[in-house]
Amino acid sequence: FLFHNQFIKPGPPKPTKSTGPGCHQPCPDV
């Protein structure tokens, strides 16, 4: 829970290429 709660702070989104709904493709930076 400690690990999880530390990740709820939003950061600036990095430019990524959307793979669309239901994707099973690589995501550049999840």
PDB file of all heavy atoms in Angstrom:
ATOM      1  N   PHE A   1       0.819  -1.200   0.000  1.00  0.00           N
ATOM      2  CA  PHE A   1       0.000   0.000   0.000  1.00  0.00           C
ATOM      3  C   PHE A   1       0.857   1.255   0.000  1.00  0.00           C
ATOM      4  O   PHE A   1       0.502   2.253  -0.604  1.00  0.00           O
ATOM      5  CB  PHE A   1      -0.935  -0.014   1.211  1.00  0.00           C
ATOM      6  CG  PHE A   1      -1.959  -1.115   1.139  1.00  0.00           C
ATOM      7  CD1 PHE A   1      -1.882  -2.197   1.987  1.00  0.00           C
ATOM      8  CD2 PHE A   1      -2.971  -1.075   0.205  1.00  0.00           C
ATOM      9  CE1 PHE A   1      -2.819  -3.209   1.902  1.00  0.00           C
ATOM     10  CE2 PHE A   1      -3.908  -2.086   0.117  1.00  0.00           C
ATOM     11  CZ  PHE A   1      -3.816  -3.159   0.975  1.00  0.00           C
ATOM     12  N   LEU A   2       2.002   1.205   0.694  1.00  0.00           N
ATOM     13  CA  LEU A   2       2.901   2.348   0.700  1.00  0.00           C
ATOM     14  C   LEU A   2       3.394   2.619  -0.708  1.00  0.00           C
ATOM     15  O   LEU A   2       3.419   3.747  -1.176  1.00  0.00           O
ATOM     16  CB  LEU A   2       4.074   2.077   1.643  1.00  0.00           C
ATOM     17  CG  LEU A   2       5.074   3.212   1.845  1.00  0.00           C
ATOM     18  CD1 LEU A   2       4.370   4.415   2.458  1.00  0.00           C
ATOM     19  CD2 LEU A   2       6.206   2.761   2.750  1.00  0.00           C
ATOM     20  N   PHE A   3       3.789   1.564  -1.389  1.00  0.00           N
ATOM     21  CA  PHE A   3       4.276   1.699  -2.760  1.00  0.00           C
ATOM     22  C   PHE A   3       3.176   2.237  -3.659  1.00  0.00           C
ATOM     23  O   PHE A   3       3.388   3.152  -4.442  1.00  0.00           O
ATOM     24  CB  PHE A   3       4.736   0.332  -3.259  1.00  0.00           C
ATOM     25  CG  PHE A   3       5.199   0.332  -4.696  1.00  0.00           C
ATOM     26  CD1 PHE A   3       6.473   0.757  -5.006  1.00  0.00           C
ATOM     27  CD2 PHE A   3       4.364  -0.082  -5.719  1.00  0.00           C
ATOM     28  CE1 PHE A   3       6.906   0.759  -6.319  1.00  0.00           C
ATOM     29  CE2 PHE A   3       4.794  -0.079  -7.026  1.00  0.00           C
ATOM     30  CZ  PHE A   3       6.064   0.342  -7.321  1.00  0.00           C
ATOM     31  N   HIS A   4       1.983   1.688  -3.491  1.00  0.00           N
ATOM     32  CA  HIS A   4       0.871   2.098  -4.353  1.00  0.00           C
ATOM     33  C   HIS A   4       0.504   3.553  -4.135  1.00  0.00           C
ATOM     34  O   HIS A   4       0.338   4.317  -5.076  1.00  0.00           O
ATOM     35  CB  HIS A   4      -0.339   1.206  -4.063  1.00  0.00           C
ATOM     36  CG  HIS A   4      -1.573   1.621  -4.792  1.00  0.00           C
ATOM     37  ND1 HIS A   4      -2.558   2.351  -4.190  1.00  0.00           N
ATOM     38  CD2 HIS A   4      -1.967   1.432  -6.075  1.00  0.00           C
ATOM     39  CE1 HIS A   4      -3.536   2.584  -5.056  1.00  0.00           C
ATOM     40  NE2 HIS A   4      -3.198   2.037  -6.195  1.00  0.00           N
ATOM     41  N   ASN A   5       0.377   3.965  -2.870  1.00  0.00           N
ATOM     42  CA  ASN A   5      -0.086   5.317  -2.588  1.00  0.00           C
ATOM     43  C   ASN A   5       0.901   6.386  -3.012  1.00  0.00           C
ATOM     44  O   ASN A   5       0.524   7.520  -3.265  1.00  0.00           O
ATOM     45  CB  ASN A   5      -0.376   5.463  -1.091  1.00  0.00           C
ATOM     46  CG  ASN A   5      -1.593   4.669  -0.678  1.00  0.00           C
ATOM     47  OD1 ASN A   5      -2.449   4.401  -1.503  1.00  0.00           O
ATOM     48  ND2 ASN A   5      -1.664   4.262   0.569  1.00  0.00           N
ATOM     49  N   GLN A   6       2.159   6.038  -3.110  1.00  0.00           N
ATOM     50  CA  GLN A   6       3.147   7.013  -3.540  1.00  0.00           C
ATOM     51  C   GLN A   6       3.050   7.291  -5.030  1.00  0.00           C
ATOM     52  O   GLN A   6       3.652   8.239  -5.517  1.00  0.00           O
ATOM     53  CB  GLN A   6       4.559   6.519  -3.201  1.00  0.00           C
ATOM     54  CG  GLN A   6       4.870   6.547  -1.716  1.00  0.00           C
ATOM     55  CD  GLN A   6       4.866   7.946  -1.146  1.00  0.00           C
ATOM     56  OE1 GLN A   6       5.369   8.859  -1.772  1.00  0.00           O
ATOM     57  NE2 GLN A   6       4.286   8.137   0.014  1.00  0.00           N
ATOM     58  N   PHE A   7       2.315   6.479  -5.746  1.00  0.00           N
ATOM     59  CA  PHE A   7       2.216   6.664  -7.190  1.00  0.00           C
ATOM     60  C   PHE A   7       0.930   7.355  -7.611  1.00  0.00           C
ATOM     61  O   PHE A   7       0.612   7.393  -8.785  1.00  0.00           O
ATOM     62  CB  PHE A   7       2.327   5.307  -7.906  1.00  0.00           C
ATOM     63  CG  PHE A   7       3.736   4.887  -8.141  1.00  0.00           C
ATOM     64  CD1 PHE A   7       4.426   4.202  -7.164  1.00  0.00           C
ATOM     65  CD2 PHE A   7       4.388   5.209  -9.315  1.00  0.00           C
ATOM     66  CE1 PHE A   7       5.723   3.816  -7.372  1.00  0.00           C
ATOM     67  CE2 PHE A   7       5.688   4.825  -9.523  1.00  0.00           C
ATOM     68  CZ  PHE A   7       6.370   4.121  -8.545  1.00  0.00           C
ATOM     69  N   ILE A   8       0.200   7.937  -6.661  1.00  0.00           N
ATOM     70  CA  ILE A   8      -1.057   8.570  -7.053  1.00  0.00           C
ATOM     71  C   ILE A   8      -0.874  10.046  -7.356  1.00  0.00           C
ATOM     72  O   ILE A   8      -1.830  10.745  -7.629  1.00  0.00           O
ATOM     73  CB  ILE A   8      -2.154   8.392  -5.981  1.00  0.00           C
ATOM     74  CG1 ILE A   8      -1.776   9.120  -4.672  1.00  0.00           C
ATOM     75  CG2 ILE A   8      -2.413   6.939  -5.719  1.00  0.00           C
ATOM     76  CD1 ILE A   8      -2.898   9.117  -3.649  1.00  0.00           C
ATOM     77  N   LYS A   9       0.372  10.541  -7.318  1.00  0.00           N
ATOM     78  CA  LYS A   9       0.610  11.926  -7.672  1.00  0.00           C
ATOM     79  C   LYS A   9       0.803  12.038  -9.182  1.00  0.00           C
ATOM     80  O   LYS A   9       1.655  11.372  -9.743  1.00  0.00           O
ATOM     81  CB  LYS A   9       1.850  12.450  -6.953  1.00  0.00           C
ATOM     82  CG  LYS A   9       1.704  12.427  -5.431  1.00  0.00           C
ATOM     83  CD  LYS A   9       2.974  12.885  -4.753  1.00  0.00           C
ATOM     84  CE  LYS A   9       2.825  12.822  -3.241  1.00  0.00           C
ATOM     85  NZ  LYS A   9       4.071  13.234  -2.550  1.00  0.00           N
ATOM     86  N   PRO A  10       0.028  12.864  -9.846  1.00  0.00           N
ATOM     87  CA  PRO A  10       0.153  12.960 -11.300  1.00  0.00           C
ATOM     88  C   PRO A  10       1.427  13.671 -11.701  1.00  0.00           C
ATOM     89  O   PRO A  10       1.907  14.552 -11.003  1.00  0.00           O
ATOM     90  CB  PRO A  10      -1.080  13.774 -11.704  1.00  0.00           C
ATOM     91  CG  PRO A  10      -1.366  14.600 -10.492  1.00  0.00           C
ATOM     92  CD  PRO A  10      -0.992  13.763  -9.309  1.00  0.00           C
ATOM     93  N   GLY A  11       1.981  13.274 -12.821  1.00  0.00           N
ATOM     94  CA  GLY A  11       3.150  13.950 -13.355  1.00  0.00           C
ATOM     95  C   GLY A  11       2.853  14.428 -14.756  1.00  0.00           C
ATOM     96  O   GLY A  11       1.815  14.103 -15.323  1.00  0.00           O
ATOM     97  N   PRO A  12       3.739  15.196 -15.342  1.00  0.00           N
ATOM     98  CA  PRO A  12       3.490  15.693 -16.689  1.00  0.00           C
ATOM     99  C   PRO A  12       3.473  14.554 -17.688  1.00  0.00           C
ATOM    100  O   PRO A  12       4.376  13.734 -17.709  1.00  0.00           O
ATOM    101  CB  PRO A  12       4.690  16.627 -16.940  1.00  0.00           C
ATOM    102  CG  PRO A  12       5.745  16.117 -16.019  1.00  0.00           C
ATOM    103  CD  PRO A  12       5.037  15.595 -14.817  1.00  0.00           C
ATOM    104  N   PRO A  13       2.420  14.417 -18.476  1.00  0.00           N
ATOM    105  CA  PRO A  13       2.355  13.309 -19.425  1.00  0.00           C
ATOM    106  C   PRO A  13       3.433  13.421 -20.481  1.00  0.00           C
ATOM    107  O   PRO A  13       3.674  14.484 -21.030  1.00  0.00           O
ATOM    108  CB  PRO A  13       0.949  13.443 -20.044  1.00  0.00           C
ATOM    109  CG  PRO A  13       0.587  14.867 -19.840  1.00  0.00           C
ATOM    110  CD  PRO A  13       1.259  15.307 -18.580  1.00  0.00           C
ATOM    111  N   LYS A  14       4.093  12.296 -20.736  1.00  0.00           N
ATOM    112  CA  LYS A  14       5.094  12.264 -21.795  1.00  0.00           C
ATOM    113  C   LYS A  14       4.427  11.940 -23.112  1.00  0.00           C
ATOM    114  O   LYS A  14       3.418  11.228 -23.156  1.00  0.00           O
ATOM    115  CB  LYS A  14       6.155  11.201 -21.471  1.00  0.00           C
ATOM    116  CG  LYS A  14       6.940  11.526 -20.215  1.00  0.00           C
ATOM    117  CD  LYS A  14       8.050  10.523 -20.024  1.00  0.00           C
ATOM    118  CE  LYS A  14       8.887  10.856 -18.798  1.00  0.00           C
ATOM    119  NZ  LYS A  14       9.984   9.903 -18.611  1.00  0.00           N
ATOM    120  N   PRO A  15       4.947  12.431 -24.208  1.00  0.00           N
ATOM    121  CA  PRO A  15       4.324  12.142 -25.503  1.00  0.00           C
ATOM    122  C   PRO A  15       4.404  10.665 -25.828  1.00  0.00           C
ATOM    123  O   PRO A  15       5.479  10.083 -25.820  1.00  0.00           O
ATOM    124  CB  PRO A  15       5.159  12.974 -26.488  1.00  0.00           C
ATOM    125  CG  PRO A  15       6.413  13.315 -25.787  1.00  0.00           C
ATOM    126  CD  PRO A  15       6.116  13.297 -24.327  1.00  0.00           C
ATOM    127  N   THR A  16       3.270  10.049 -26.040  1.00  0.00           N
ATOM    128  CA  THR A  16       3.211   8.644 -26.399  1.00  0.00           C
ATOM    129  C   THR A  16       2.289   8.469 -27.582  1.00  0.00           C
ATOM    130  O   THR A  16       1.490   9.347 -27.908  1.00  0.00           O
ATOM    131  CB  THR A  16       2.680   7.785 -25.235  1.00  0.00           C
ATOM    132  OG1 THR A  16       1.375   8.251 -24.894  1.00  0.00           O
ATOM    133  CG2 THR A  16       3.580   7.892 -24.008  1.00  0.00           C
ATOM    134  N   LYS A  17       2.351   7.327 -28.167  1.00  0.00           N
ATOM    135  CA  LYS A  17       1.503   7.027 -29.315  1.00  0.00           C
ATOM    136  C   LYS A  17       0.399   6.097 -28.875  1.00  0.00           C
ATOM    137  O   LYS A  17       0.641   4.984 -28.453  1.00  0.00           O
ATOM    138  CB  LYS A  17       2.336   6.386 -30.420  1.00  0.00           C
ATOM    139  CG  LYS A  17       1.566   6.224 -31.725  1.00  0.00           C
ATOM    140  CD  LYS A  17       2.487   5.715 -32.812  1.00  0.00           C
ATOM    141  CE  LYS A  17       1.751   5.585 -34.147  1.00  0.00           C
ATOM    142  NZ  LYS A  17       2.632   5.097 -35.206  1.00  0.00           N
ATOM    143  N   SER A  18      -0.824   6.570 -28.926  1.00  0.00           N
ATOM    144  CA  SER A  18      -1.946   5.766 -28.467  1.00  0.00           C
ATOM    145  C   SER A  18      -2.095   4.518 -29.316  1.00  0.00           C
ATOM    146  O   SER A  18      -1.918   4.540 -30.522  1.00  0.00           O
ATOM    147  CB  SER A  18      -3.233   6.593 -28.529  1.00  0.00           C
ATOM    148  OG  SER A  18      -4.330   5.797 -28.191  1.00  0.00           O
ATOM    149  N   THR A  19      -2.432   3.420 -28.626  1.00  0.00           N
ATOM    150  CA  THR A  19      -2.622   2.164 -29.341  1.00  0.00           C
ATOM    151  C   THR A  19      -4.091   1.800 -29.470  1.00  0.00           C
ATOM    152  O   THR A  19      -4.422   0.760 -30.002  1.00  0.00           O
ATOM    153  CB  THR A  19      -1.876   1.035 -28.626  1.00  0.00           C
ATOM    154  OG1 THR A  19      -2.223   1.072 -27.246  1.00  0.00           O
ATOM    155  CG2 THR A  19      -0.382   1.203 -28.776  1.00  0.00           C
ATOM    156  N   GLY A  20      -4.968   2.625 -28.893  1.00  0.00           N
ATOM    157  CA  GLY A  20      -6.394   2.419 -29.110  1.00  0.00           C
ATOM    158  C   GLY A  20      -7.028   1.454 -28.138  1.00  0.00           C
ATOM    159  O   GLY A  20      -6.360   0.720 -27.428  1.00  0.00           O
ATOM    160  N   PRO A  21      -8.337   1.442 -28.078  1.00  0.00           N
ATOM    161  CA  PRO A  21      -9.068   0.567 -27.167  1.00  0.00           C
ATOM    162  C   PRO A  21      -8.786  -0.895 -27.445  1.00  0.00           C
ATOM    163  O   PRO A  21      -8.634  -1.318 -28.584  1.00  0.00           O
ATOM    164  CB  PRO A  21     -10.542   0.912 -27.450  1.00  0.00           C
ATOM    165  CG  PRO A  21     -10.512   2.268 -28.090  1.00  0.00           C
ATOM    166  CD  PRO A  21      -9.221   2.311 -28.862  1.00  0.00           C
ATOM    167  N   GLY A  22      -8.698  -1.674 -26.348  1.00  0.00           N
ATOM    168  CA  GLY A  22      -8.487  -3.105 -26.486  1.00  0.00           C
ATOM    169  C   GLY A  22      -7.138  -3.452 -27.059  1.00  0.00           C
ATOM    170  O   GLY A  22      -6.964  -4.506 -27.664  1.00  0.00           O
ATOM    171  N   CYS A  23      -6.154  -2.558 -26.889  1.00  0.00           N
ATOM    172  CA  CYS A  23      -4.861  -2.772 -27.533  1.00  0.00           C
ATOM    173  C   CYS A  23      -4.106  -3.908 -26.885  1.00  0.00           C
ATOM    174  O   CYS A  23      -4.265  -4.213 -25.720  1.00  0.00           O
ATOM    175  CB  CYS A  23      -4.018  -1.496 -27.460  1.00  0.00           C
ATOM    176  SG  CYS A  23      -3.560  -1.044 -25.782  1.00  0.00           S
ATOM    177  N   HIS A  24      -3.248  -4.531 -27.653  1.00  0.00           N
ATOM    178  CA  HIS A  24      -2.288  -5.491 -27.152  1.00  0.00           C
ATOM    179  C   HIS A  24      -0.953  -5.180 -27.804  1.00  0.00           C
ATOM    180  O   HIS A  24      -0.228  -6.051 -28.244  1.00  0.00           O
ATOM    181  CB  HIS A  24      -2.725  -6.922 -27.472  1.00  0.00           C
ATOM    182  CG  HIS A  24      -3.879  -7.364 -26.630  1.00  0.00           C
ATOM    183  ND1 HIS A  24      -3.732  -7.934 -25.383  1.00  0.00           N
ATOM    184  CD2 HIS A  24      -5.218  -7.262 -26.832  1.00  0.00           C
ATOM    185  CE1 HIS A  24      -4.920  -8.200 -24.866  1.00  0.00           C
ATOM    186  NE2 HIS A  24      -5.832  -7.810 -25.731  1.00  0.00           N
ATOM    187  N   GLN A  25      -0.659  -3.885 -27.894  1.00  0.00           N
ATOM    188  CA  GLN A  25       0.543  -3.400 -28.540  1.00  0.00           C
ATOM    189  C   GLN A  25       1.462  -2.766 -27.500  1.00  0.00           C
ATOM    190  O   GLN A  25       1.031  -2.392 -26.421  1.00  0.00           O
ATOM    191  CB  GLN A  25       0.181  -2.357 -29.612  1.00  0.00           C
ATOM    192  CG  GLN A  25      -0.756  -2.888 -30.677  1.00  0.00           C
ATOM    193  CD  GLN A  25      -0.148  -4.020 -31.467  1.00  0.00           C
ATOM    194  OE1 GLN A  25       1.036  -3.987 -31.756  1.00  0.00           O
ATOM    195  NE2 GLN A  25      -0.947  -5.007 -31.803  1.00  0.00           N
ATOM    196  N   PRO A  26       2.763  -2.614 -27.815  1.00  0.00           N
ATOM    197  CA  PRO A  26       3.687  -1.997 -26.874  1.00  0.00           C
ATOM    198  C   PRO A  26       3.265  -0.574 -26.523  1.00  0.00           C
ATOM    199  O   PRO A  26       2.781   0.168 -27.356  1.00  0.00           O
ATOM    200  CB  PRO A  26       5.018  -1.999 -27.637  1.00  0.00           C
ATOM    201  CG  PRO A  26       4.865  -3.051 -28.674  1.00  0.00           C
ATOM    202  CD  PRO A  26       3.414  -3.049 -29.044  1.00  0.00           C
ATOM    203  N   CYS A  27       3.447  -0.189 -25.263  1.00  0.00           N
ATOM    204  CA  CYS A  27       3.169   1.163 -24.802  1.00  0.00           C
ATOM    205  C   CYS A  27       4.504   1.809 -24.442  1.00  0.00           C
ATOM    206  O   CYS A  27       5.201   1.290 -23.584  1.00  0.00           O
ATOM    207  CB  CYS A  27       2.247   1.140 -23.584  1.00  0.00           C
ATOM    208  SG  CYS A  27       0.670   0.336 -23.927  1.00  0.00           S
ATOM    209  N   PRO A  28       4.900   2.897 -25.081  1.00  0.00           N
ATOM    210  CA  PRO A  28       6.222   3.477 -24.910  1.00  0.00           C
ATOM    211  C   PRO A  28       6.588   3.789 -23.471  1.00  0.00           C
ATOM    212  O   PRO A  28       7.693   3.561 -23.052  1.00  0.00           O
ATOM    213  CB  PRO A  28       6.145   4.768 -25.739  1.00  0.00           C
ATOM    214  CG  PRO A  28       5.061   4.517 -26.726  1.00  0.00           C
ATOM    215  CD  PRO A  28       4.075   3.642 -26.020  1.00  0.00           C
ATOM    216  N   ASP A  29       5.685   4.329 -22.665  1.00  0.00           N
ATOM    217  CA  ASP A  29       6.021   4.668 -21.298  1.00  0.00           C
ATOM    218  C   ASP A  29       4.790   4.583 -20.419  1.00  0.00           C
ATOM    219  O   ASP A  29       4.052   5.531 -20.254  1.00  0.00           O
ATOM    220  CB  ASP A  29       6.625   6.081 -21.227  1.00  0.00           C
ATOM    221  CG  ASP A  29       7.341   6.302 -19.899  1.00  0.00           C
ATOM    222  OD1 ASP A  29       7.087   5.550 -18.948  1.00  0.00           O
ATOM    223  OD2 ASP A  29       8.144   7.220 -19.840  1.00  0.00           O
ATOM    224  N   VAL A  30       4.574   3.421 -19.820  1.00  0.00           N
ATOM    225  CA  VAL A  30       3.357   3.202 -19.058  1.00  0.00           C
ATOM    226  C   VAL A  30       3.432   3.825 -17.676  1.00  0.00           C
ATOM    227  O   VAL A  30       2.434   3.898 -16.979  1.00  0.00           O
ATOM    228  CB  VAL A  30       3.062   1.687 -18.913  1.00  0.00           C
ATOM    229  CG1 VAL A  30       2.865   1.074 -20.266  1.00  0.00           C
ATOM    230  CG2 VAL A  30       4.171   0.987 -18.146  1.00  0.00           C
TER     231      VAL A  30
END
